[in-house]
Amino acid sequence: MTRASDLTDFRLLDERNLDDEGLDRIVSVGMLEHVGLPHFPPLSAGSPICWHKMAWR
């Protein structure tokens, strides 16, 4: 049985220190709503951002 942890690489990163390898997805818990929409493009650098709609209520 394949587990999600076998297919996923979890990292705790400071977005200002990302290298050029890129990311498949970005999941943020409790940060994106504080960063603000104007800062999303540099933060994601083209990677899809996954967040829960509850953060915007």
N, C-alpha and C. Protein backbone atom coordinates (compact mmCIF):
# COMPACT_ATOMS: atom_id res chain seq x y z
N MET A 1 0.84 -1.18 0.00
CA MET A 1 0.00 0.00 0.00
C MET A 1 0.89 1.25 0.00
N THR A 2 0.67 2.13 -0.94
CA THR A 2 1.44 3.38 -1.02
C THR A 2 0.81 4.41 -0.09
N ARG A 3 1.64 5.03 0.69
CA ARG A 3 1.17 6.07 1.62
C ARG A 3 1.52 7.44 1.06
N ALA A 4 0.74 8.44 1.44
CA ALA A 4 1.01 9.81 0.99
C ALA A 4 2.41 10.26 1.39
N SER A 5 2.87 9.83 2.55
CA SER A 5 4.21 10.23 2.99
C SER A 5 5.31 9.64 2.12
N ASP A 6 5.01 8.55 1.40
CA ASP A 6 5.98 7.98 0.47
C ASP A 6 6.07 8.78 -0.82
N LEU A 7 5.05 9.57 -1.12
CA LEU A 7 4.97 10.32 -2.37
C LEU A 7 5.19 11.82 -2.19
N THR A 8 5.34 12.24 -0.94
CA THR A 8 5.37 13.66 -0.63
C THR A 8 6.64 14.03 0.11
N ASP A 9 7.16 15.19 -0.22
CA ASP A 9 8.32 15.73 0.47
C ASP A 9 7.85 16.96 1.23
N PHE A 10 7.80 16.88 2.56
CA PHE A 10 7.36 18.00 3.38
C PHE A 10 8.58 18.82 3.78
N ARG A 11 8.49 20.13 3.60
CA ARG A 11 9.60 21.01 3.95
C ARG A 11 9.08 22.24 4.69
N LEU A 12 9.79 22.65 5.69
CA LEU A 12 9.53 23.91 6.38
C LEU A 12 10.56 24.88 5.84
N LEU A 13 10.10 25.85 5.04
CA LEU A 13 11.02 26.74 4.34
C LEU A 13 10.66 28.20 4.54
N ASP A 14 11.65 29.03 4.46
CA ASP A 14 11.46 30.48 4.35
C ASP A 14 11.45 30.78 2.85
N GLU A 15 10.36 31.31 2.35
CA GLU A 15 10.23 31.53 0.89
C GLU A 15 11.31 32.45 0.34
N ARG A 16 11.94 33.24 1.17
CA ARG A 16 13.00 34.13 0.70
C ARG A 16 14.29 33.37 0.41
N ASN A 17 14.37 32.13 0.87
CA ASN A 17 15.58 31.33 0.69
C ASN A 17 15.39 30.15 -0.25
N LEU A 18 14.37 30.19 -1.10
CA LEU A 18 14.14 29.09 -2.04
C LEU A 18 15.21 29.08 -3.12
N ASP A 19 15.59 27.89 -3.53
CA ASP A 19 16.54 27.79 -4.64
C ASP A 19 15.75 27.75 -5.96
N ASP A 20 16.43 27.51 -7.05
CA ASP A 20 15.81 27.57 -8.37
C ASP A 20 15.17 26.26 -8.81
N GLU A 21 15.11 25.25 -7.95
CA GLU A 21 14.57 23.96 -8.37
C GLU A 21 13.07 24.00 -8.60
N GLY A 22 12.37 24.92 -7.98
CA GLY A 22 10.92 25.01 -8.13
C GLY A 22 10.19 23.99 -7.26
N LEU A 23 8.89 24.16 -7.16
CA LEU A 23 8.06 23.29 -6.34
C LEU A 23 6.84 22.88 -7.16
N ASP A 24 6.34 21.66 -6.92
CA ASP A 24 5.14 21.19 -7.60
C ASP A 24 3.90 21.87 -7.04
N ARG A 25 3.83 22.00 -5.74
CA ARG A 25 2.69 22.61 -5.05
C ARG A 25 3.20 23.31 -3.80
N ILE A 26 2.44 24.30 -3.37
CA ILE A 26 2.72 24.97 -2.10
C ILE A 26 1.46 24.85 -1.26
N VAL A 27 1.60 24.34 -0.05
CA VAL A 27 0.50 24.28 0.89
C VAL A 27 0.90 25.13 2.08
N SER A 28 0.07 26.09 2.41
CA SER A 28 0.38 26.97 3.52
C SER A 28 -0.76 26.91 4.52
N VAL A 29 -0.41 26.76 5.78
CA VAL A 29 -1.40 26.73 6.84
C VAL A 29 -1.20 27.97 7.69
N GLY A 30 -2.12 28.92 7.58
CA GLY A 30 -2.11 30.09 8.44
C GLY A 30 -1.14 31.18 8.08
N MET A 31 -0.60 31.19 6.85
CA MET A 31 0.33 32.25 6.50
C MET A 31 -0.16 33.12 5.35
N LEU A 32 -0.72 32.52 4.32
CA LEU A 32 -1.06 33.27 3.11
C LEU A 32 -2.01 34.43 3.36
N GLU A 33 -2.94 34.26 4.28
CA GLU A 33 -3.86 35.36 4.56
C GLU A 33 -3.14 36.55 5.19
N HIS A 34 -1.98 36.33 5.77
CA HIS A 34 -1.20 37.42 6.36
C HIS A 34 -0.25 38.07 5.35
N VAL A 35 0.16 37.30 4.35
CA VAL A 35 1.08 37.81 3.32
C VAL A 35 0.36 38.80 2.42
N GLY A 36 -0.87 38.49 2.03
CA GLY A 36 -1.65 39.38 1.18
C GLY A 36 -1.50 39.05 -0.30
N LEU A 37 -2.57 39.29 -1.05
CA LEU A 37 -2.60 38.97 -2.48
C LEU A 37 -1.47 39.59 -3.30
N PRO A 38 -1.03 40.83 -3.04
CA PRO A 38 0.04 41.40 -3.86
C PRO A 38 1.35 40.60 -3.79
N HIS A 39 1.54 39.81 -2.74
CA HIS A 39 2.79 39.08 -2.56
C HIS A 39 2.70 37.62 -3.00
N PHE A 40 1.54 37.17 -3.48
CA PHE A 40 1.41 35.78 -3.90
C PHE A 40 2.30 35.42 -5.08
N PRO A 41 2.36 36.21 -6.16
CA PRO A 41 3.20 35.79 -7.30
C PRO A 41 4.67 35.56 -6.94
N PRO A 42 5.34 36.46 -6.22
CA PRO A 42 6.73 36.17 -5.86
C PRO A 42 6.85 34.97 -4.93
N LEU A 43 5.88 34.80 -4.06
CA LEU A 43 5.92 33.68 -3.12
C LEU A 43 5.79 32.36 -3.85
N SER A 44 4.87 32.29 -4.80
CA SER A 44 4.63 31.02 -5.48
C SER A 44 5.60 30.77 -6.62
N ALA A 45 6.13 31.80 -7.23
CA ALA A 45 7.06 31.69 -8.36
C ALA A 45 6.54 30.72 -9.41
N GLY A 46 5.23 30.79 -9.67
CA GLY A 46 4.63 29.96 -10.70
C GLY A 46 4.08 28.63 -10.22
N SER A 47 4.31 28.26 -8.96
CA SER A 47 3.78 27.01 -8.43
C SER A 47 2.34 27.23 -7.97
N PRO A 48 1.47 26.23 -8.16
CA PRO A 48 0.11 26.37 -7.64
C PRO A 48 0.13 26.49 -6.11
N ILE A 49 -0.73 27.32 -5.58
CA ILE A 49 -0.85 27.46 -4.13
C ILE A 49 -2.15 26.81 -3.70
N CYS A 50 -2.08 25.88 -2.75
CA CYS A 50 -3.26 25.19 -2.24
C CYS A 50 -3.57 25.74 -0.86
N TRP A 51 -4.77 26.26 -0.68
CA TRP A 51 -5.18 26.72 0.64
C TRP A 51 -6.66 26.45 0.81
N HIS A 52 -7.09 26.48 2.02
CA HIS A 52 -8.48 26.20 2.33
C HIS A 52 -9.28 27.49 2.27
N LYS A 53 -10.46 27.43 1.66
CA LYS A 53 -11.28 28.63 1.52
C LYS A 53 -11.65 29.25 2.86
N MET A 54 -11.59 28.48 3.93
CA MET A 54 -11.92 29.00 5.25
C MET A 54 -11.00 30.15 5.65
N ALA A 55 -9.80 30.19 5.13
CA ALA A 55 -8.85 31.25 5.48
C ALA A 55 -9.34 32.61 5.02
N TRP A 56 -10.27 32.66 4.07
CA TRP A 56 -10.72 33.93 3.51
C TRP A 56 -12.04 34.39 4.09
N ARG A 57 -12.57 33.70 5.08
CA ARG A 57 -13.84 34.11 5.68
C ARG A 57 -13.63 35.19 6.71
